[in-house]
């Protein structure tokens, strides 16, 4: 019986780590693409950071794919947080923002819910 060609003898523990490195890179790219949505880039960037951490071997340097994935994920997640923060700040400080949202609701034939902040379009 020839056991030299068995699939059990071809076990490679690094194979899974390379998959995490690639997943980190893909998640980093997706976080940058989803930056236009703001909110969705944050979990995509967090997943990229997680995959990069899972792909690192203890005591070894990160692969270049993992480094690029980590970098892109951090950039995408940080830019997403900044975008969402600016949007929330604009919405809370601009008195015309509530009126714009009210017009969008009316354009779709919906009534805007009663939230104390929106009463009269006053800012905090």
N, C-alpha and C. Protein backbone atom coordinates (compact mmCIF):
# COMPACT_ATOMS: atom_id res chain seq x y z
N UNK A 1 0.85 -1.18 0.00
CA UNK A 1 0.00 0.00 0.00
C UNK A 1 0.89 1.24 0.00
N UNK A 2 0.63 2.16 -0.91
CA UNK A 2 1.44 3.36 -1.03
C UNK A 2 0.78 4.48 -0.23
N UNK A 3 1.37 4.85 0.90
CA UNK A 3 0.83 5.92 1.73
C UNK A 3 1.53 7.24 1.49
N UNK A 4 2.51 7.27 0.61
CA UNK A 4 3.24 8.51 0.33
C UNK A 4 2.41 9.54 -0.40
N UNK A 5 1.38 9.12 -1.10
CA UNK A 5 0.53 10.04 -1.85
C UNK A 5 -0.79 10.32 -1.15
N UNK A 6 -0.89 9.93 0.08
CA UNK A 6 -2.13 10.11 0.82
C UNK A 6 -2.37 11.58 1.10
N UNK A 7 -3.63 11.96 1.09
CA UNK A 7 -3.97 13.36 1.41
C UNK A 7 -3.69 13.67 2.87
N UNK A 8 -3.62 12.66 3.71
CA UNK A 8 -3.33 12.89 5.12
C UNK A 8 -1.89 13.34 5.32
N UNK A 9 -1.01 12.96 4.42
CA UNK A 9 0.39 13.35 4.54
C UNK A 9 0.65 14.75 3.98
N UNK A 10 -0.33 15.35 3.34
CA UNK A 10 -0.15 16.67 2.75
C UNK A 10 -0.74 17.77 3.62
N UNK A 11 -0.88 17.54 4.90
CA UNK A 11 -1.44 18.54 5.80
C UNK A 11 -0.51 19.73 5.90
N UNK A 12 -1.06 20.92 5.72
CA UNK A 12 -0.28 22.15 5.80
C UNK A 12 -0.99 23.10 6.75
N UNK A 13 -0.46 23.32 7.96
CA UNK A 13 -1.14 24.19 8.92
C UNK A 13 -1.16 25.65 8.49
N UNK A 14 -0.28 26.06 7.59
CA UNK A 14 -0.26 27.46 7.14
C UNK A 14 -1.34 27.77 6.13
N UNK A 15 -1.95 26.74 5.57
CA UNK A 15 -2.95 26.95 4.53
C UNK A 15 -4.13 27.78 5.05
N UNK A 16 -4.59 27.51 6.24
CA UNK A 16 -5.70 28.26 6.83
C UNK A 16 -5.32 29.70 7.13
N UNK A 17 -4.09 29.91 7.52
CA UNK A 17 -3.63 31.26 7.82
C UNK A 17 -3.57 32.11 6.56
N UNK A 18 -3.19 31.52 5.45
CA UNK A 18 -3.16 32.26 4.19
C UNK A 18 -4.58 32.65 3.77
N UNK A 19 -5.54 31.81 4.08
CA UNK A 19 -6.93 32.14 3.77
C UNK A 19 -7.39 33.33 4.59
N UNK A 20 -6.97 33.39 5.87
CA UNK A 20 -7.31 34.54 6.70
C UNK A 20 -6.64 35.80 6.18
N UNK A 21 -5.41 35.70 5.70
CA UNK A 21 -4.72 36.86 5.14
C UNK A 21 -5.46 37.39 3.92
N UNK A 22 -5.89 36.49 3.06
CA UNK A 22 -6.63 36.89 1.87
C UNK A 22 -7.99 37.48 2.25
N UNK A 23 -8.65 36.88 3.22
CA UNK A 23 -9.93 37.41 3.68
C UNK A 23 -9.75 38.79 4.28
N UNK A 24 -8.65 39.03 4.96
CA UNK A 24 -8.36 40.35 5.52
C UNK A 24 -8.21 41.38 4.41
N UNK A 25 -7.50 41.02 3.36
CA UNK A 25 -7.31 41.94 2.23
C UNK A 25 -8.64 42.23 1.55
N UNK A 26 -9.44 41.21 1.33
CA UNK A 26 -10.74 41.39 0.67
C UNK A 26 -11.66 42.25 1.54
N UNK A 27 -11.68 42.01 2.84
CA UNK A 27 -12.52 42.81 3.74
C UNK A 27 -12.04 44.26 3.79
N UNK A 28 -10.73 44.48 3.72
CA UNK A 28 -10.21 45.85 3.68
C UNK A 28 -10.64 46.58 2.43
N UNK A 29 -10.59 45.90 1.29
CA UNK A 29 -11.03 46.51 0.04
C UNK A 29 -12.53 46.80 0.08
N UNK A 30 -13.29 45.85 0.61
CA UNK A 30 -14.74 46.04 0.72
C UNK A 30 -15.06 47.21 1.65
N UNK A 31 -14.30 47.36 2.72
CA UNK A 31 -14.57 48.48 3.65
C UNK A 31 -14.33 49.81 2.97
N UNK A 32 -13.37 49.87 2.06
CA UNK A 32 -13.14 51.12 1.32
C UNK A 32 -14.24 51.35 0.29
N UNK A 33 -14.69 50.28 -0.35
CA UNK A 33 -15.76 50.42 -1.34
C UNK A 33 -17.07 50.84 -0.65
N UNK A 34 -17.33 50.28 0.52
CA UNK A 34 -18.55 50.60 1.25
C UNK A 34 -18.47 51.92 2.01
N UNK A 35 -17.40 52.63 1.84
CA UNK A 35 -17.24 53.92 2.53
C UNK A 35 -18.33 54.90 2.13
N UNK A 36 -18.85 54.77 0.91
CA UNK A 36 -19.92 55.67 0.47
C UNK A 36 -21.18 55.47 1.30
N UNK A 37 -21.36 54.31 1.92
CA UNK A 37 -22.51 54.08 2.78
C UNK A 37 -22.23 54.54 4.21
N UNK A 38 -20.97 54.69 4.56
CA UNK A 38 -20.60 55.12 5.90
C UNK A 38 -20.68 54.01 6.91
N UNK A 39 -21.88 53.60 7.24
CA UNK A 39 -22.09 52.64 8.32
C UNK A 39 -21.55 51.25 7.98
N UNK A 40 -21.72 50.79 6.76
CA UNK A 40 -21.33 49.43 6.40
C UNK A 40 -19.82 49.23 6.33
N UNK A 41 -19.07 50.31 6.16
CA UNK A 41 -17.62 50.16 6.11
C UNK A 41 -17.03 49.84 7.48
N UNK A 42 -17.74 50.16 8.54
CA UNK A 42 -17.23 49.93 9.89
C UNK A 42 -17.16 48.42 10.20
N UNK A 43 -18.25 47.65 10.03
CA UNK A 43 -18.12 46.21 10.30
C UNK A 43 -17.20 45.50 9.31
N UNK A 44 -17.15 45.95 8.06
CA UNK A 44 -16.25 45.32 7.10
C UNK A 44 -14.80 45.55 7.51
N UNK A 45 -14.47 46.74 7.97
CA UNK A 45 -13.12 47.02 8.45
C UNK A 45 -12.79 46.24 9.70
N UNK A 46 -13.77 46.09 10.59
CA UNK A 46 -13.55 45.31 11.81
C UNK A 46 -13.29 43.84 11.48
N UNK A 47 -14.02 43.33 10.50
CA UNK A 47 -13.78 41.94 10.08
C UNK A 47 -12.39 41.79 9.47
N UNK A 48 -11.96 42.78 8.71
CA UNK A 48 -10.62 42.73 8.13
C UNK A 48 -9.54 42.71 9.19
N UNK A 49 -9.72 43.51 10.23
CA UNK A 49 -8.76 43.53 11.33
C UNK A 49 -8.77 42.18 12.06
N UNK A 50 -9.95 41.62 12.27
CA UNK A 50 -10.06 40.31 12.92
C UNK A 50 -9.38 39.22 12.09
N UNK A 51 -9.64 39.20 10.78
CA UNK A 51 -9.02 38.20 9.92
C UNK A 51 -7.50 38.34 9.88
N UNK A 52 -7.03 39.58 9.90
CA UNK A 52 -5.59 39.80 9.92
C UNK A 52 -4.98 39.27 11.21
N UNK A 53 -5.66 39.47 12.32
CA UNK A 53 -5.16 38.96 13.60
C UNK A 53 -5.18 37.43 13.64
N UNK A 54 -6.22 36.84 13.05
CA UNK A 54 -6.30 35.38 13.05
C UNK A 54 -5.28 34.75 12.11
N UNK A 55 -4.85 35.48 11.10
CA UNK A 55 -3.90 34.95 10.14
C UNK A 55 -2.45 35.06 10.57
N UNK A 56 -2.18 35.80 11.65
CA UNK A 56 -0.79 35.97 12.10
C UNK A 56 -0.35 34.77 12.92
N UNK A 57 0.79 34.25 12.57
CA UNK A 57 1.38 33.16 13.35
C UNK A 57 2.05 33.74 14.58
N UNK A 58 1.92 33.11 15.72
CA UNK A 58 2.61 33.59 16.92
C UNK A 58 4.13 33.55 16.72
N UNK A 59 4.78 34.65 17.05
CA UNK A 59 6.23 34.71 16.95
C UNK A 59 6.76 34.95 15.56
N UNK A 60 5.90 35.12 14.57
CA UNK A 60 6.34 35.34 13.19
C UNK A 60 5.83 36.71 12.72
N UNK A 61 6.48 37.22 11.69
CA UNK A 61 6.06 38.48 11.10
C UNK A 61 4.84 38.26 10.21
N UNK A 62 4.00 39.28 10.09
CA UNK A 62 2.82 39.19 9.23
C UNK A 62 3.24 39.08 7.77
N UNK A 63 2.42 38.41 6.98
CA UNK A 63 2.67 38.34 5.54
C UNK A 63 2.30 39.69 4.92
N UNK A 64 2.76 39.94 3.72
CA UNK A 64 2.46 41.22 3.06
C UNK A 64 0.96 41.35 2.79
N UNK A 65 0.31 40.24 2.47
CA UNK A 65 -1.14 40.27 2.24
C UNK A 65 -1.86 40.68 3.52
N UNK A 66 -1.42 40.16 4.64
CA UNK A 66 -2.02 40.50 5.92
C UNK A 66 -1.76 41.96 6.28
N UNK A 67 -0.57 42.45 5.99
CA UNK A 67 -0.25 43.86 6.27
C UNK A 67 -1.12 44.80 5.44
N UNK A 68 -1.27 44.47 4.15
CA UNK A 68 -2.10 45.31 3.29
C UNK A 68 -3.56 45.24 3.72
N UNK A 69 -4.03 44.06 4.06
CA UNK A 69 -5.40 43.90 4.53
C UNK A 69 -5.65 44.67 5.82
N UNK A 70 -4.70 44.59 6.75
CA UNK A 70 -4.84 45.32 8.01
C UNK A 70 -4.86 46.82 7.77
N UNK A 71 -3.95 47.29 6.91
CA UNK A 71 -3.89 48.73 6.61
C UNK A 71 -5.18 49.22 5.97
N UNK A 72 -5.66 48.51 4.96
CA UNK A 72 -6.89 48.93 4.28
C UNK A 72 -8.09 48.85 5.21
N UNK A 73 -8.12 47.84 6.06
CA UNK A 73 -9.23 47.70 7.00
C UNK A 73 -9.25 48.83 8.01
N UNK A 74 -8.08 49.20 8.53
CA UNK A 74 -8.01 50.31 9.49
C UNK A 74 -8.42 51.61 8.82
N UNK A 75 -7.94 51.84 7.61
CA UNK A 75 -8.30 53.07 6.89
C UNK A 75 -9.81 53.11 6.63
N UNK A 76 -10.38 51.99 6.13
CA UNK A 76 -11.81 51.95 5.84
C UNK A 76 -12.67 52.12 7.07
N UNK A 77 -12.29 51.45 8.16
CA UNK A 77 -13.07 51.56 9.38
C UNK A 77 -12.98 52.96 9.99
N UNK A 78 -11.78 53.52 10.01
CA UNK A 78 -11.60 54.87 10.56
C UNK A 78 -12.35 55.91 9.73
N UNK A 79 -12.24 55.80 8.41
CA UNK A 79 -12.94 56.75 7.54
C UNK A 79 -14.45 56.59 7.69
N UNK A 80 -14.94 55.36 7.88
CA UNK A 80 -16.37 55.14 8.11
C UNK A 80 -16.84 55.78 9.40
N UNK A 81 -16.05 55.64 10.45
CA UNK A 81 -16.40 56.25 11.74
C UNK A 81 -16.43 57.77 11.61
N UNK A 82 -15.44 58.33 10.92
CA UNK A 82 -15.40 59.79 10.72
C UNK A 82 -16.60 60.24 9.91
N UNK A 83 -16.95 59.50 8.85
CA UNK A 83 -18.08 59.87 8.00
C UNK A 83 -19.39 59.85 8.79
N UNK A 84 -19.60 58.81 9.57
CA UNK A 84 -20.83 58.70 10.36
C UNK A 84 -20.87 59.80 11.42
N UNK A 85 -19.74 60.08 12.05
CA UNK A 85 -19.68 61.13 13.07
C UNK A 85 -20.01 62.49 12.48
N UNK A 86 -19.46 62.79 11.32
CA UNK A 86 -19.74 64.07 10.66
C UNK A 86 -21.21 64.15 10.26
N UNK A 87 -21.78 63.05 9.76
CA UNK A 87 -23.19 63.05 9.37
C UNK A 87 -24.10 63.29 10.58
N UNK A 88 -23.79 62.63 11.69
CA UNK A 88 -24.60 62.83 12.90
C UNK A 88 -24.45 64.26 13.41
N UNK A 89 -23.23 64.77 13.39
CA UNK A 89 -23.00 66.15 13.85
C UNK A 89 -23.78 67.12 12.97
N UNK A 90 -23.72 66.91 11.64
CA UNK A 90 -24.44 67.80 10.73
C UNK A 90 -25.94 67.73 11.00
N UNK A 91 -26.44 66.52 11.20
CA UNK A 91 -27.86 66.36 11.40
C UNK A 91 -28.33 67.02 12.69
N UNK A 92 -27.50 66.95 13.72
CA UNK A 92 -27.90 67.51 15.01
C UNK A 92 -27.69 69.01 15.11
N UNK A 93 -26.84 69.58 14.29
CA UNK A 93 -26.56 71.02 14.41
C UNK A 93 -27.21 71.86 13.33
N UNK A 94 -27.57 71.29 12.21
CA UNK A 94 -28.17 72.06 11.12
C UNK A 94 -29.70 72.03 11.27
N UNK A 95 -30.31 73.19 11.49
CA UNK A 95 -31.77 73.21 11.67
C UNK A 95 -32.53 72.77 10.41
N UNK A 96 -31.95 72.93 9.26
CA UNK A 96 -32.66 72.55 8.04
C UNK A 96 -32.59 71.04 7.78
N UNK A 97 -31.76 70.32 8.51
CA UNK A 97 -31.62 68.87 8.29
C UNK A 97 -32.92 68.14 8.59
N UNK A 98 -33.57 68.50 9.68
CA UNK A 98 -34.83 67.84 10.04
C UNK A 98 -35.89 68.12 8.98
N UNK A 99 -35.89 69.32 8.42
CA UNK A 99 -36.85 69.65 7.37
C UNK A 99 -36.56 68.86 6.10
N UNK A 100 -35.31 68.65 5.79
CA UNK A 100 -34.95 67.84 4.62
C UNK A 100 -35.42 66.39 4.79
N UNK A 101 -35.25 65.85 5.98
CA UNK A 101 -35.71 64.49 6.26
C UNK A 101 -37.23 64.43 6.18
N UNK A 102 -37.90 65.44 6.69
CA UNK A 102 -39.36 65.50 6.65
C UNK A 102 -39.84 65.51 5.19
N UNK A 103 -39.16 66.27 4.32
CA UNK A 103 -39.53 66.32 2.90
C UNK A 103 -39.31 64.97 2.22
N UNK A 104 -38.25 64.26 2.62
CA UNK A 104 -38.01 62.93 2.05
C UNK A 104 -39.13 61.98 2.45
N UNK A 105 -39.56 62.04 3.71
CA UNK A 105 -40.68 61.20 4.15
C UNK A 105 -41.92 61.52 3.33
N UNK A 106 -42.21 62.81 3.13
CA UNK A 106 -43.40 63.21 2.38
C UNK A 106 -43.31 62.79 0.92
N UNK A 107 -42.13 62.82 0.35
CA UNK A 107 -41.96 62.42 -1.05
C UNK A 107 -42.33 60.95 -1.25
N UNK A 108 -42.13 60.13 -0.23
CA UNK A 108 -42.47 58.72 -0.32
C UNK A 108 -43.85 58.42 0.27
N UNK A 109 -44.62 59.48 0.59
CA UNK A 109 -45.97 59.29 1.09
C UNK A 109 -46.02 58.76 2.51
N UNK A 110 -44.99 59.04 3.30
CA UNK A 110 -44.93 58.56 4.68
C UNK A 110 -45.02 59.76 5.62
N UNK A 111 -45.39 59.47 6.84
CA UNK A 111 -45.41 60.52 7.85
C UNK A 111 -44.23 60.32 8.79
N UNK A 112 -43.55 61.40 9.08
CA UNK A 112 -42.37 61.31 9.93
C UNK A 112 -42.79 61.01 11.37
N UNK A 113 -42.10 60.07 12.04
CA UNK A 113 -42.47 59.74 13.42
C UNK A 113 -42.21 60.92 14.35
N UNK A 114 -42.99 60.98 15.41
CA UNK A 114 -42.82 62.05 16.39
C UNK A 114 -41.66 61.72 17.31
N UNK A 115 -40.59 62.46 17.14
CA UNK A 115 -39.42 62.35 17.99
C UNK A 115 -39.24 63.74 18.58
N UNK A 116 -39.04 63.86 19.88
CA UNK A 116 -38.97 65.20 20.50
C UNK A 116 -38.00 66.14 19.80
N UNK A 117 -36.91 65.62 19.30
CA UNK A 117 -35.93 66.49 18.66
C UNK A 117 -36.50 67.15 17.43
N UNK A 118 -37.34 66.44 16.68
CA UNK A 118 -37.85 66.95 15.43
C UNK A 118 -38.99 67.94 15.62
N UNK A 119 -39.51 68.06 16.79
CA UNK A 119 -40.61 68.98 17.01
C UNK A 119 -40.15 70.41 16.82
N UNK A 120 -40.55 71.00 15.75
CA UNK A 120 -40.17 72.38 15.47
C UNK A 120 -38.82 72.52 14.83
N UNK A 121 -38.12 71.44 14.57
CA UNK A 121 -36.82 71.50 13.90
C UNK A 121 -35.74 72.16 14.74
N UNK A 122 -35.85 72.08 16.06
CA UNK A 122 -34.86 72.71 16.93
C UNK A 122 -33.66 71.79 17.10
N UNK A 123 -32.50 72.40 17.23
CA UNK A 123 -31.29 71.62 17.46
C UNK A 123 -31.03 71.50 18.95
N UNK A 124 -30.16 70.57 19.27
CA UNK A 124 -29.83 70.36 20.68
C UNK A 124 -29.09 71.52 21.16
